[in-house]
Amino acid sequence: MDSNGSTESTIGDITGAEMKDGFAISGETAQNQRDKAGEAVTEWLREGGFIE
């Protein structure tokens, strides 16, 4: 098991999966700045290769 003990490393160790960077957005942005939140989600999906 990875010595840093993070959730990501633990899941990766158990499953043998490659863990990618996650996505986080503040609740205030998600609730009150929906256009900005949508742009951030779209960019993250593009960077991850999920969409073009």
C-alpha atoms as a PDB file:
ATOM      1  CA  MET A   1       0.000   0.000   0.000  1.00  0.00           C
ATOM      2  CA  ASP A   2       1.174   3.561  -0.715  1.00  0.00           C
ATOM      3  CA  SER A   3       2.798   5.059   2.350  1.00  0.00           C
ATOM      4  CA  ASN A   4       0.973   8.404   2.157  1.00  0.00           C
ATOM      5  CA  GLY A   5      -2.327   6.812   3.198  1.00  0.00           C
ATOM      6  CA  SER A   6      -4.571   9.029   1.072  1.00  0.00           C
ATOM      7  CA  THR A   7      -7.938   7.753  -0.072  1.00  0.00           C
ATOM      8  CA  GLU A   8      -6.777   7.953  -3.683  1.00  0.00           C
ATOM      9  CA  SER A   9      -3.654   5.886  -3.081  1.00  0.00           C
ATOM     10  CA  THR A  10      -5.594   3.330  -1.046  1.00  0.00           C
ATOM     11  CA  ILE A  11      -8.206   2.872  -3.785  1.00  0.00           C
ATOM     12  CA  GLY A  12      -5.465   2.671  -6.409  1.00  0.00           C
ATOM     13  CA  ASP A  13      -3.571   0.075  -4.404  1.00  0.00           C
ATOM     14  CA  ILE A  14      -6.640  -2.080  -3.756  1.00  0.00           C
ATOM     15  CA  THR A  15      -8.003  -1.990  -7.303  1.00  0.00           C
ATOM     16  CA  GLY A  16      -4.801  -1.629  -9.292  1.00  0.00           C
ATOM     17  CA  ALA A  17      -6.450   1.334 -11.027  1.00  0.00           C
ATOM     18  CA  GLU A  18      -4.709   4.504 -12.130  1.00  0.00           C
ATOM     19  CA  MET A  19      -6.185   7.345 -10.126  1.00  0.00           C
ATOM     20  CA  LYS A  20      -6.626  10.609 -12.011  1.00  0.00           C
ATOM     21  CA  ASP A  21      -6.890  14.094 -10.572  1.00  0.00           C
ATOM     22  CA  GLY A  22     -10.303  14.821  -9.153  1.00  0.00           C
ATOM     23  CA  PHE A  23     -12.566  17.792  -9.551  1.00  0.00           C
ATOM     24  CA  ALA A  24     -13.720  20.177  -6.862  1.00  0.00           C
ATOM     25  CA  ILE A  25     -15.790  23.329  -7.009  1.00  0.00           C
ATOM     26  CA  SER A  26     -17.064  25.471  -4.172  1.00  0.00           C
ATOM     27  CA  GLY A  27     -20.716  25.249  -3.230  1.00  0.00           C
ATOM     28  CA  GLU A  28     -21.062  29.006  -3.651  1.00  0.00           C
ATOM     29  CA  THR A  29     -19.813  28.806  -7.249  1.00  0.00           C
ATOM     30  CA  ALA A  30     -21.959  25.774  -8.024  1.00  0.00           C
ATOM     31  CA  GLN A  31     -25.092  27.411  -6.659  1.00  0.00           C
ATOM     32  CA  ASN A  32     -24.622  31.066  -7.559  1.00  0.00           C
ATOM     33  CA  GLN A  33     -22.319  31.116 -10.571  1.00  0.00           C
ATOM     34  CA  ARG A  34     -23.679  28.306 -12.696  1.00  0.00           C
ATOM     35  CA  ASP A  35     -22.087  29.489 -15.950  1.00  0.00           C
ATOM     36  CA  LYS A  36     -18.658  29.604 -14.304  1.00  0.00           C
ATOM     37  CA  ALA A  37     -19.247  26.186 -12.738  1.00  0.00           C
ATOM     38  CA  GLY A  38     -20.330  24.727 -16.080  1.00  0.00           C
ATOM     39  CA  GLU A  39     -17.222  26.073 -17.775  1.00  0.00           C
ATOM     40  CA  ALA A  40     -15.019  24.564 -15.068  1.00  0.00           C
ATOM     41  CA  VAL A  41     -16.687  21.153 -15.410  1.00  0.00           C
ATOM     42  CA  THR A  42     -16.392  21.230 -19.197  1.00  0.00           C
ATOM     43  CA  GLU A  43     -12.695  22.141 -19.033  1.00  0.00           C
ATOM     44  CA  TRP A  44     -11.998  19.367 -16.520  1.00  0.00           C
ATOM     45  CA  LEU A  45     -13.772  16.838 -18.749  1.00  0.00           C
ATOM     46  CA  ARG A  46     -11.731  18.005 -21.751  1.00  0.00           C
ATOM     47  CA  GLU A  47      -8.450  17.814 -19.857  1.00  0.00           C
ATOM     48  CA  GLY A  48      -9.315  14.300 -18.722  1.00  0.00           C
ATOM     49  CA  GLY A  49     -10.039  13.199 -22.277  1.00  0.00           C
ATOM     50  CA  PHE A  50     -13.694  12.490 -21.555  1.00  0.00           C
ATOM     51  CA  ILE A  51     -14.960  14.978 -24.164  1.00  0.00           C
ATOM     52  CA  GLU A  52     -13.440  16.915 -27.056  1.00  0.00           C
END
